[in-house]
Amino acid sequence: MKVVHLPRTLAELWPLLEQEPPGRMYCGGTDLLVQMRSGEVDPAALICLERIEDLQGVREEHDCLWIGAGTTHTSLLNHSLVGWRLPILVKALETLGSPLIRNMGTIGGNICTASPAGDTLPPLYILDAEVTLRSRERARTMSLQAFITGPGRTQLAGGEILAGIRVKIPEGYNVHHFEKVGQRRALACAIASMAAMLRVSSSGVIEAAHLAWGSVGPTVVTSTAVEESLIGEKLSQDILDKVAGLVRHAVSPIDDIRASSDYRREVSGNLLLRLAAGPLVF
């Protein structure tokens, strides 16, 4: 039987992180419980962070939103500030798991799991999100892109937790799109996904573009070349067809039980074409 620690404050948490052998931290535990059931991990003890109020909630700070790492996906979907300020994140959260998973899972867990298929990661990459890391001695901040170093790997140090995410509120973007392709229409892990924010003029010219692809590389894939190829062009099927070829060269997918690398590469380019497929501007 596992010992489960339930600290209610950060002051109660720090001594637990210094114990030997170290316990495994979790909040919602939606990924950890699957790993334990399969025998992939067998931690000496568990440290649940879900009761620590300092790790929860959403607040506006000048031109940013701060999101506590322990905030559940459902809480974010229901939060008026997130819906108003970060529609691209909402679109991704709506596709994440089932209502039960969204009720338990947290945005901090999705980040620290560091899966290339994590649904919140492509939106957070194009939003230039920063993570705040805390230990007993210090707090430090770095970009999300620097924090995630590979599948399941992050810059989280011993005795340190992900406390929150800071996202600059995007201004002037009138196209917000997230889409993922899986083996079924719901409750699917992404074979490939894409998040996109564009600023398009009244005449249809793309003035700014931010794009990111998930599940097609060891981390989320971004491409300055793809973004720059769109700027100054009319948002049309013709230009998207042309730039889709650059996308297929930018990604570096693998073969696995869900899809081949060739299929993922093709789908990554095809997802770009969806930007001209419907009424995406609001």
C-alpha atoms as a PDB file:
ATOM      1  CA  MET A   1       0.000   0.000   0.000  1.00  0.00           C
ATOM      2  CA  LYS A   2       1.334   3.441  -0.941  1.00  0.00           C
ATOM      3  CA  VAL A   3       1.729   6.315   1.476  1.00  0.00           C
ATOM      4  CA  VAL A   4      -0.073   9.368   0.061  1.00  0.00           C
ATOM      5  CA  HIS A   5       0.864  12.783   1.443  1.00  0.00           C
ATOM      6  CA  LEU A   6      -1.740  15.561   1.188  1.00  0.00           C
ATOM      7  CA  PRO A   7      -0.059  18.899   1.949  1.00  0.00           C
ATOM      8  CA  ARG A   8      -2.372  21.911   2.116  1.00  0.00           C
ATOM      9  CA  THR A   9       0.302  24.605   1.842  1.00  0.00           C
ATOM     10  CA  LEU A  10       3.698  25.065   0.240  1.00  0.00           C
ATOM     11  CA  ALA A  11       5.206  25.185   3.726  1.00  0.00           C
ATOM     12  CA  GLU A  12       3.913  21.654   4.317  1.00  0.00           C
ATOM     13  CA  LEU A  13       5.138  20.515   0.890  1.00  0.00           C
ATOM     14  CA  TRP A  14       8.842  21.423   1.047  1.00  0.00           C
ATOM     15  CA  PRO A  15       9.831  18.957   3.808  1.00  0.00           C
ATOM     16  CA  LEU A  16       8.087  16.147   1.910  1.00  0.00           C
ATOM     17  CA  LEU A  17      10.208  16.830  -1.170  1.00  0.00           C
ATOM     18  CA  GLU A  18      13.362  16.447   0.904  1.00  0.00           C
ATOM     19  CA  GLN A  19      12.537  12.986   2.206  1.00  0.00           C
ATOM     20  CA  GLU A  20      14.432   9.898   0.984  1.00  0.00           C
ATOM     21  CA  PRO A  21      13.479   7.989  -1.022  1.00  0.00           C
ATOM     22  CA  PRO A  22      11.642  10.802  -2.824  1.00  0.00           C
ATOM     23  CA  GLY A  23       7.912  10.587  -3.391  1.00  0.00           C
ATOM     24  CA  ARG A  24       6.263  11.119  -6.771  1.00  0.00           C
ATOM     25  CA  MET A  25       4.342  14.382  -7.093  1.00  0.00           C
ATOM     26  CA  TYR A  26       1.003  14.505  -8.856  1.00  0.00           C
ATOM     27  CA  CYS A  27      -2.105  16.612  -8.984  1.00  0.00           C
ATOM     28  CA  GLY A  28      -4.886  15.065 -11.061  1.00  0.00           C
ATOM     29  CA  GLY A  29      -2.861  11.882 -11.568  1.00  0.00           C
ATOM     30  CA  THR A  30      -4.545  10.919 -14.842  1.00  0.00           C
ATOM     31  CA  ASP A  31      -1.241   9.893 -16.443  1.00  0.00           C
ATOM     32  CA  LEU A  32       0.501   8.661 -13.297  1.00  0.00           C
ATOM     33  CA  LEU A  33      -2.248   6.199 -12.343  1.00  0.00           C
ATOM     34  CA  VAL A  34      -2.099   4.609 -15.801  1.00  0.00           C
ATOM     35  CA  GLN A  35       1.697   4.253 -15.488  1.00  0.00           C
ATOM     36  CA  MET A  36       1.392   2.685 -12.025  1.00  0.00           C
ATOM     37  CA  ARG A  37      -1.302   0.263 -13.160  1.00  0.00           C
ATOM     38  CA  SER A  38       0.872  -0.906 -16.037  1.00  0.00           C
ATOM     39  CA  GLY A  39       3.898  -1.312 -13.770  1.00  0.00           C
ATOM     40  CA  GLU A  40       5.861   1.341 -15.662  1.00  0.00           C
ATOM     41  CA  VAL A  41       6.539   3.272 -12.432  1.00  0.00           C
ATOM     42  CA  ASP A  42       6.468   2.264  -8.787  1.00  0.00           C
ATOM     43  CA  PRO A  43       7.089   5.322  -6.604  1.00  0.00           C
ATOM     44  CA  ALA A  44       8.039   4.934  -2.953  1.00  0.00           C
ATOM     45  CA  ALA A  45       5.294   7.376  -1.939  1.00  0.00           C
ATOM     46  CA  LEU A  46       2.866   9.798  -3.536  1.00  0.00           C
ATOM     47  CA  ILE A  47       2.609  13.527  -2.897  1.00  0.00           C
ATOM     48  CA  CYS A  48      -0.706  15.023  -3.988  1.00  0.00           C
ATOM     49  CA  LEU A  49      -0.639  18.754  -4.762  1.00  0.00           C
ATOM     50  CA  GLU A  50      -4.332  19.288  -5.457  1.00  0.00           C
ATOM     51  CA  ARG A  51      -5.142  20.817  -2.039  1.00  0.00           C
ATOM     52  CA  ILE A  52      -2.527  23.596  -2.250  1.00  0.00           C
ATOM     53  CA  GLU A  53      -4.455  26.786  -2.995  1.00  0.00           C
ATOM     54  CA  ASP A  54      -1.345  28.696  -4.119  1.00  0.00           C
ATOM     55  CA  LEU A  55      -1.165  26.392  -7.160  1.00  0.00           C
ATOM     56  CA  GLN A  56      -4.729  27.019  -8.336  1.00  0.00           C
ATOM     57  CA  GLY A  57      -6.757  29.714 -10.038  1.00  0.00           C
ATOM     58  CA  VAL A  58      -6.522  32.288 -12.802  1.00  0.00           C
ATOM     59  CA  ARG A  59      -5.779  35.962 -12.484  1.00  0.00           C
ATOM     60  CA  GLU A  60      -5.021  38.859 -14.793  1.00  0.00           C
ATOM     61  CA  GLU A  61      -1.689  40.610 -14.259  1.00  0.00           C
ATOM     62  CA  HIS A  62      -1.293  43.677 -16.470  1.00  0.00           C
ATOM     63  CA  ASP A  63      -1.033  42.246 -20.005  1.00  0.00           C
ATOM     64  CA  CYS A  64      -0.781  38.592 -18.885  1.00  0.00           C
ATOM     65  CA  LEU A  65      -2.863  35.799 -17.426  1.00  0.00           C
ATOM     66  CA  TRP A  66      -1.370  33.765 -14.596  1.00  0.00           C
ATOM     67  CA  ILE A  67      -2.715  30.202 -14.389  1.00  0.00           C
ATOM     68  CA  GLY A  68      -1.985  28.022 -11.383  1.00  0.00           C
ATOM     69  CA  ALA A  69      -0.438  24.694 -12.326  1.00  0.00           C
ATOM     70  CA  GLY A  70      -2.996  22.815 -10.229  1.00  0.00           C
ATOM     71  CA  THR A  71      -5.984  24.309 -12.052  1.00  0.00           C
ATOM     72  CA  THR A  72      -8.107  21.624 -13.691  1.00  0.00           C
ATOM     73  CA  HIS A  73      -8.979  21.653 -17.365  1.00  0.00           C
ATOM     74  CA  THR A  74     -12.668  21.962 -16.522  1.00  0.00           C
ATOM     75  CA  SER A  75     -12.000  24.992 -14.328  1.00  0.00           C
ATOM     76  CA  LEU A  76     -10.141  26.647 -17.202  1.00  0.00           C
ATOM     77  CA  LEU A  77     -12.952  25.882 -19.647  1.00  0.00           C
ATOM     78  CA  ASN A  78     -15.453  27.460 -17.271  1.00  0.00           C
ATOM     79  CA  HIS A  79     -13.362  30.523 -16.436  1.00  0.00           C
ATOM     80  CA  SER A  80     -14.562  33.711 -18.121  1.00  0.00           C
ATOM     81  CA  LEU A  81     -11.073  35.247 -18.295  1.00  0.00           C
ATOM     82  CA  VAL A  82      -9.668  32.231 -20.135  1.00  0.00           C
ATOM     83  CA  GLY A  83     -12.574  32.134 -22.575  1.00  0.00           C
ATOM     84  CA  TRP A  84     -12.257  35.841 -23.290  1.00  0.00           C
ATOM     85  CA  ARG A  85      -8.488  36.214 -23.372  1.00  0.00           C
ATOM     86  CA  LEU A  86      -7.203  32.824 -24.577  1.00  0.00           C
ATOM     87  CA  PRO A  87      -9.716  31.322 -27.046  1.00  0.00           C
ATOM     88  CA  ILE A  88      -7.004  29.183 -28.670  1.00  0.00           C
ATOM     89  CA  LEU A  89      -6.381  27.414 -25.352  1.00  0.00           C
ATOM     90  CA  VAL A  90     -10.106  26.846 -24.871  1.00  0.00           C
ATOM     91  CA  LYS A  91     -10.348  25.200 -28.291  1.00  0.00           C
ATOM     92  CA  ALA A  92      -7.610  22.739 -27.315  1.00  0.00           C
ATOM     93  CA  LEU A  93      -9.083  22.030 -23.885  1.00  0.00           C
ATOM     94  CA  GLU A  94     -12.422  21.170 -25.472  1.00  0.00           C
ATOM     95  CA  THR A  95     -10.750  18.249 -27.296  1.00  0.00           C
ATOM     96  CA  LEU A  96      -8.814  16.951 -24.294  1.00  0.00           C
ATOM     97  CA  GLY A  97      -9.945  13.563 -23.020  1.00  0.00           C
ATOM     98  CA  SER A  98     -13.401  13.083 -21.540  1.00  0.00           C
ATOM     99  CA  PRO A  99     -15.333  15.194 -19.016  1.00  0.00           C
ATOM    100  CA  LEU A 100     -13.989  12.907 -16.276  1.00  0.00           C
ATOM    101  CA  ILE A 101     -10.385  13.428 -17.405  1.00  0.00           C
ATOM    102  CA  ARG A 102     -10.919  17.190 -17.684  1.00  0.00           C
ATOM    103  CA  ASN A 103     -12.390  17.244 -14.166  1.00  0.00           C
ATOM    104  CA  MET A 104      -9.295  15.537 -12.715  1.00  0.00           C
ATOM    105  CA  GLY A 105      -6.441  16.549 -14.997  1.00  0.00           C
ATOM    106  CA  THR A 106      -4.573  19.823 -14.569  1.00  0.00           C
ATOM    107  CA  ILE A 107      -2.717  22.111 -16.923  1.00  0.00           C
ATOM    108  CA  GLY A 108       0.457  21.676 -14.880  1.00  0.00           C
ATOM    109  CA  GLY A 109       0.213  17.923 -15.242  1.00  0.00           C
ATOM    110  CA  ASN A 110      -0.246  18.209 -19.000  1.00  0.00           C
ATOM    111  CA  ILE A 111       2.919  20.311 -19.167  1.00  0.00           C
ATOM    112  CA  CYS A 112       5.074  18.216 -16.840  1.00  0.00           C
ATOM    113  CA  THR A 113       4.109  14.962 -18.549  1.00  0.00           C
ATOM    114  CA  ALA A 114       5.845  16.570 -21.550  1.00  0.00           C
ATOM    115  CA  SER A 115       4.177  14.333 -24.099  1.00  0.00           C
ATOM    116  CA  PRO A 116       4.544  15.600 -27.689  1.00  0.00           C
ATOM    117  CA  ALA A 117       0.834  14.775 -28.001  1.00  0.00           C
ATOM    118  CA  GLY A 118      -0.208  16.956 -25.040  1.00  0.00           C
ATOM    119  CA  ASP A 119      -3.227  18.928 -26.222  1.00  0.00           C
ATOM    120  CA  THR A 120      -2.498  22.155 -24.332  1.00  0.00           C
ATOM    121  CA  LEU A 121       1.109  22.400 -25.507  1.00  0.00           C
ATOM    122  CA  PRO A 122       0.770  23.707 -29.110  1.00  0.00           C
ATOM    123  CA  PRO A 123      -1.509  26.581 -27.994  1.00  0.00           C
ATOM    124  CA  LEU A 124       0.817  27.424 -25.107  1.00  0.00           C
ATOM    125  CA  TYR A 125       3.822  27.422 -27.451  1.00  0.00           C
ATOM    126  CA  ILE A 126       2.277  29.945 -29.832  1.00  0.00           C
ATOM    127  CA  LEU A 127       1.160  32.034 -26.858  1.00  0.00           C
ATOM    128  CA  ASP A 128       4.833  32.223 -25.756  1.00  0.00           C
ATOM    129  CA  ALA A 129       3.916  30.847 -22.340  1.00  0.00           C
ATOM    130  CA  GLU A 130       6.393  31.008 -19.482  1.00  0.00           C
ATOM    131  CA  VAL A 131       6.535  28.608 -16.542  1.00  0.00           C
ATOM    132  CA  THR A 132       7.199  29.601 -12.939  1.00  0.00           C
ATOM    133  CA  LEU A 133       9.191  27.004 -10.986  1.00  0.00           C
ATOM    134  CA  ARG A 134       9.423  27.112  -7.204  1.00  0.00           C
ATOM    135  CA  SER A 135      11.472  25.390  -4.538  1.00  0.00           C
ATOM    136  CA  ARG A 136      11.933  26.125  -0.860  1.00  0.00           C
ATOM    137  CA  GLU A 137      14.850  28.450  -1.672  1.00  0.00           C
ATOM    138  CA  ARG A 138      13.878  30.221  -4.877  1.00  0.00           C
ATOM    139  CA  ALA A 139      11.524  30.888  -7.758  1.00  0.00           C
ATOM    140  CA  ARG A 140      12.608  31.013 -11.384  1.00  0.00           C
ATOM    141  CA  THR A 141      10.943  31.593 -14.729  1.00  0.00           C
ATOM    142  CA  MET A 142      11.686  30.237 -18.188  1.00  0.00           C
ATOM    143  CA  SER A 143       9.899  29.813 -21.483  1.00  0.00           C
ATOM    144  CA  LEU A 144       7.778  26.703 -21.891  1.00  0.00           C
ATOM    145  CA  GLN A 145       9.788  25.883 -25.001  1.00  0.00           C
ATOM    146  CA  ALA A 146      13.007  25.784 -22.940  1.00  0.00           C
ATOM    147  CA  PHE A 147      11.341  23.899 -20.074  1.00  0.00           C
ATOM    148  CA  ILE A 148      10.330  20.869 -22.163  1.00  0.00           C
ATOM    149  CA  THR A 149      13.460  19.178 -23.478  1.00  0.00           C
ATOM    150  CA  GLY A 150      12.068  15.954 -24.946  1.00  0.00           C
ATOM    151  CA  PRO A 151       9.383  13.282 -24.527  1.00  0.00           C
ATOM    152  CA  GLY A 152       8.735  13.063 -20.790  1.00  0.00           C
ATOM    153  CA  ARG A 153      11.718  15.321 -20.028  1.00  0.00           C
ATOM    154  CA  THR A 154      11.705  18.796 -18.485  1.00  0.00           C
ATOM    155  CA  GLN A 155      14.027  21.208 -16.698  1.00  0.00           C
ATOM    156  CA  LEU A 156      12.307  20.560 -13.359  1.00  0.00           C
ATOM    157  CA  ALA A 157      15.021  20.166 -10.717  1.00  0.00           C
ATOM    158  CA  GLY A 158      14.953  18.128  -7.527  1.00  0.00           C
ATOM    159  CA  GLY A 159      12.894  19.743  -4.790  1.00  0.00           C
ATOM    160  CA  GLU A 160      11.155  21.955  -7.356  1.00  0.00           C
ATOM    161  CA  ILE A 161       7.580  22.199  -8.572  1.00  0.00           C
ATOM    162  CA  LEU A 162       5.798  23.853 -11.462  1.00  0.00           C
ATOM    163  CA  ALA A 163       3.799  26.548  -9.679  1.00  0.00           C
ATOM    164  CA  GLY A 164       2.128  28.321 -12.576  1.00  0.00           C
ATOM    165  CA  ILE A 165       2.092  29.451 -16.173  1.00  0.00           C
ATOM    166  CA  ARG A 166       2.165  33.045 -17.326  1.00  0.00           C
ATOM    167  CA  VAL A 167       0.719  33.814 -20.753  1.00  0.00           C
ATOM    168  CA  LYS A 168       0.806  37.186 -22.469  1.00  0.00           C
ATOM    169  CA  ILE A 169      -2.667  38.086 -23.688  1.00  0.00           C
ATOM    170  CA  PRO A 170      -2.607  38.088 -27.513  1.00  0.00           C
ATOM    171  CA  GLU A 171      -3.953  41.267 -29.077  1.00  0.00           C
ATOM    172  CA  GLY A 172      -5.232  41.774 -32.607  1.00  0.00           C
ATOM    173  CA  TYR A 173      -5.399  38.139 -33.717  1.00  0.00           C
ATOM    174  CA  ASN A 174      -8.695  37.373 -35.405  1.00  0.00           C
ATOM    175  CA  VAL A 175      -8.107  33.738 -36.402  1.00  0.00           C
ATOM    176  CA  HIS A 176      -7.771  31.219 -33.551  1.00  0.00           C
ATOM    177  CA  HIS A 177      -7.738  27.580 -34.604  1.00  0.00           C
ATOM    178  CA  PHE A 178      -6.880  24.259 -32.985  1.00  0.00           C
ATOM    179  CA  GLU A 179      -7.466  20.868 -34.507  1.00  0.00           C
ATOM    180  CA  LYS A 180      -6.166  17.380 -33.908  1.00  0.00           C
ATOM    181  CA  VAL A 181      -6.410  14.111 -35.801  1.00  0.00           C
ATOM    182  CA  GLY A 182      -6.733  10.840 -33.881  1.00  0.00           C
ATOM    183  CA  GLN A 183      -7.801   7.274 -34.478  1.00  0.00           C
ATOM    184  CA  ARG A 184     -11.346   8.155 -33.476  1.00  0.00           C
ATOM    185  CA  ARG A 185     -13.432  11.297 -33.201  1.00  0.00           C
ATOM    186  CA  ALA A 186     -13.315  11.576 -29.390  1.00  0.00           C
ATOM    187  CA  LEU A 187     -11.164  10.443 -26.446  1.00  0.00           C
ATOM    188  CA  ALA A 188      -8.198  10.074 -28.795  1.00  0.00           C
ATOM    189  CA  CYS A 189      -4.516  10.776 -28.335  1.00  0.00           C
ATOM    190  CA  ALA A 190      -3.391  13.050 -31.167  1.00  0.00           C
ATOM    191  CA  ILE A 191      -1.723  11.526 -34.214  1.00  0.00           C
ATOM    192  CA  ALA A 192      -1.056  15.121 -35.220  1.00  0.00           C
ATOM    193  CA  SER A 193      -2.404  18.463 -34.022  1.00  0.00           C
ATOM    194  CA  MET A 194      -2.021  22.108 -34.972  1.00  0.00           C
ATOM    195  CA  ALA A 195      -2.603  25.387 -33.182  1.00  0.00           C
ATOM    196  CA  ALA A 196      -2.721  28.599 -35.194  1.00  0.00           C
ATOM    197  CA  MET A 197      -3.239  32.285 -34.507  1.00  0.00           C
ATOM    198  CA  LEU A 198      -3.344  34.701 -37.421  1.00  0.00           C
ATOM    199  CA  ARG A 199      -3.940  38.409 -37.791  1.00  0.00           C
ATOM    200  CA  VAL A 200      -5.737  38.922 -41.081  1.00  0.00           C
ATOM    201  CA  SER A 201      -6.559  42.340 -42.524  1.00  0.00           C
ATOM    202  CA  SER A 202      -9.993  43.351 -43.770  1.00  0.00           C
ATOM    203  CA  SER A 203      -8.732  42.664 -47.297  1.00  0.00           C
ATOM    204  CA  GLY A 204      -7.713  39.106 -46.358  1.00  0.00           C
ATOM    205  CA  VAL A 205      -3.936  39.622 -46.124  1.00  0.00           C
ATOM    206  CA  ILE A 206      -2.092  37.714 -43.388  1.00  0.00           C
ATOM    207  CA  GLU A 207      -0.256  40.274 -41.247  1.00  0.00           C
ATOM    208  CA  ALA A 208       1.026  37.974 -38.474  1.00  0.00           C
ATOM    209  CA  ALA A 209       1.102  34.207 -37.982  1.00  0.00           C
ATOM    210  CA  HIS A 210       1.955  31.857 -35.123  1.00  0.00           C
ATOM    211  CA  LEU A 211       1.684  28.099 -35.635  1.00  0.00           C
ATOM    212  CA  ALA A 212       2.688  24.949 -33.757  1.00  0.00           C
ATOM    213  CA  TRP A 213       2.244  21.219 -34.350  1.00  0.00           C
ATOM    214  CA  GLY A 214       1.935  18.480 -31.749  1.00  0.00           C
ATOM    215  CA  SER A 215       2.708  14.748 -31.879  1.00  0.00           C
ATOM    216  CA  VAL A 216       5.010  15.133 -34.907  1.00  0.00           C
ATOM    217  CA  GLY A 217       8.395  15.544 -33.192  1.00  0.00           C
ATOM    218  CA  PRO A 218      10.115  14.936 -29.865  1.00  0.00           C
ATOM    219  CA  THR A 219       8.622  18.219 -28.669  1.00  0.00           C
ATOM    220  CA  VAL A 220       6.083  20.632 -30.138  1.00  0.00           C
ATOM    221  CA  VAL A 221       7.237  21.779 -33.592  1.00  0.00           C
ATOM    222  CA  THR A 222       7.293  25.428 -34.648  1.00  0.00           C
ATOM    223  CA  SER A 223       8.687  26.880 -37.869  1.00  0.00           C
ATOM    224  CA  THR A 224       9.686  30.474 -38.472  1.00  0.00           C
ATOM    225  CA  ALA A 225      10.024  29.652 -42.184  1.00  0.00           C
ATOM    226  CA  VAL A 226       6.402  28.534 -42.386  1.00  0.00           C
ATOM    227  CA  GLU A 227       5.143  31.594 -40.519  1.00  0.00           C
ATOM    228  CA  GLU A 228       7.175  34.021 -42.615  1.00  0.00           C
ATOM    229  CA  SER A 229       5.971  32.378 -45.829  1.00  0.00           C
ATOM    230  CA  LEU A 230       2.395  33.263 -44.917  1.00  0.00           C
ATOM    231  CA  ILE A 231       2.923  36.902 -43.947  1.00  0.00           C
ATOM    232  CA  GLY A 232       1.934  39.347 -46.674  1.00  0.00           C
ATOM    233  CA  GLU A 233      -0.069  36.717 -48.554  1.00  0.00           C
ATOM    234  CA  LYS A 234      -3.830  36.437 -48.970  1.00  0.00           C
ATOM    235  CA  LEU A 235      -5.379  33.776 -46.770  1.00  0.00           C
ATOM    236  CA  SER A 236      -6.377  31.402 -49.547  1.00  0.00           C
ATOM    237  CA  GLN A 237      -6.286  27.763 -50.507  1.00  0.00           C
ATOM    238  CA  ASP A 238      -3.530  28.474 -53.039  1.00  0.00           C
ATOM    239  CA  ILE A 239      -1.030  29.912 -50.536  1.00  0.00           C
ATOM    240  CA  LEU A 240      -1.864  27.277 -47.928  1.00  0.00           C
ATOM    241  CA  ASP A 241      -1.306  24.508 -50.504  1.00  0.00           C
ATOM    242  CA  LYS A 242       2.101  25.995 -51.251  1.00  0.00           C
ATOM    243  CA  VAL A 243       3.169  26.424 -47.630  1.00  0.00           C
ATOM    244  CA  ALA A 244       1.871  22.981 -46.598  1.00  0.00           C
ATOM    245  CA  GLY A 245       4.926  21.515 -48.312  1.00  0.00           C
ATOM    246  CA  LEU A 246       7.175  23.487 -45.960  1.00  0.00           C
ATOM    247  CA  VAL A 247       5.240  22.128 -42.997  1.00  0.00           C
ATOM    248  CA  ARG A 248       5.830  18.540 -44.107  1.00  0.00           C
ATOM    249  CA  HIS A 249       9.573  19.221 -44.205  1.00  0.00           C
ATOM    250  CA  ALA A 250       9.576  21.027 -40.834  1.00  0.00           C
ATOM    251  CA  VAL A 251       8.053  18.208 -38.781  1.00  0.00           C
ATOM    252  CA  SER A 252       9.996  15.117 -37.689  1.00  0.00           C
ATOM    253  CA  PRO A 253       7.443  12.438 -36.773  1.00  0.00           C
ATOM    254  CA  ILE A 254       8.061   8.811 -35.839  1.00  0.00           C
ATOM    255  CA  ASP A 255       6.314   5.528 -36.613  1.00  0.00           C
ATOM    256  CA  ASP A 256       4.333   4.055 -33.723  1.00  0.00           C
ATOM    257  CA  ILE A 257       1.274   1.898 -33.138  1.00  0.00           C
ATOM    258  CA  ARG A 258      -1.066   4.815 -33.867  1.00  0.00           C
ATOM    259  CA  ALA A 259       0.336   6.050 -37.200  1.00  0.00           C
ATOM    260  CA  SER A 260       3.293   5.987 -39.546  1.00  0.00           C
ATOM    261  CA  SER A 261       5.697   8.903 -39.853  1.00  0.00           C
ATOM    262  CA  ASP A 262       4.638   9.413 -43.481  1.00  0.00           C
ATOM    263  CA  TYR A 263       0.987   9.683 -42.493  1.00  0.00           C
ATOM    264  CA  ARG A 264       1.776  12.147 -39.701  1.00  0.00           C
ATOM    265  CA  ARG A 265       3.834  14.244 -42.106  1.00  0.00           C
ATOM    266  CA  GLU A 266       1.003  14.371 -44.638  1.00  0.00           C
ATOM    267  CA  VAL A 267      -1.597  15.204 -41.993  1.00  0.00           C
ATOM    268  CA  SER A 268       0.568  18.017 -40.580  1.00  0.00           C
ATOM    269  CA  GLY A 269       0.500  19.781 -43.940  1.00  0.00           C
ATOM    270  CA  ASN A 270      -3.182  19.068 -44.415  1.00  0.00           C
ATOM    271  CA  LEU A 271      -4.042  20.656 -41.078  1.00  0.00           C
ATOM    272  CA  LEU A 272      -2.712  23.951 -42.412  1.00  0.00           C
ATOM    273  CA  LEU A 273      -5.202  23.734 -45.280  1.00  0.00           C
ATOM    274  CA  ARG A 274      -8.027  23.803 -42.736  1.00  0.00           C
ATOM    275  CA  LEU A 275      -7.365  27.484 -42.127  1.00  0.00           C
ATOM    276  CA  ALA A 276      -9.222  28.186 -45.385  1.00  0.00           C
ATOM    277  CA  ALA A 277     -11.912  25.562 -44.830  1.00  0.00           C
ATOM    278  CA  GLY A 278     -14.406  27.417 -42.677  1.00  0.00           C
ATOM    279  CA  PRO A 279     -15.470  30.531 -40.754  1.00  0.00           C
ATOM    280  CA  LEU A 280     -12.484  30.728 -38.409  1.00  0.00           C
ATOM    281  CA  VAL A 281     -12.406  34.502 -37.922  1.00  0.00           C
ATOM    282  CA  PHE A 282     -14.109  36.042 -34.883  1.00  0.00           C
END
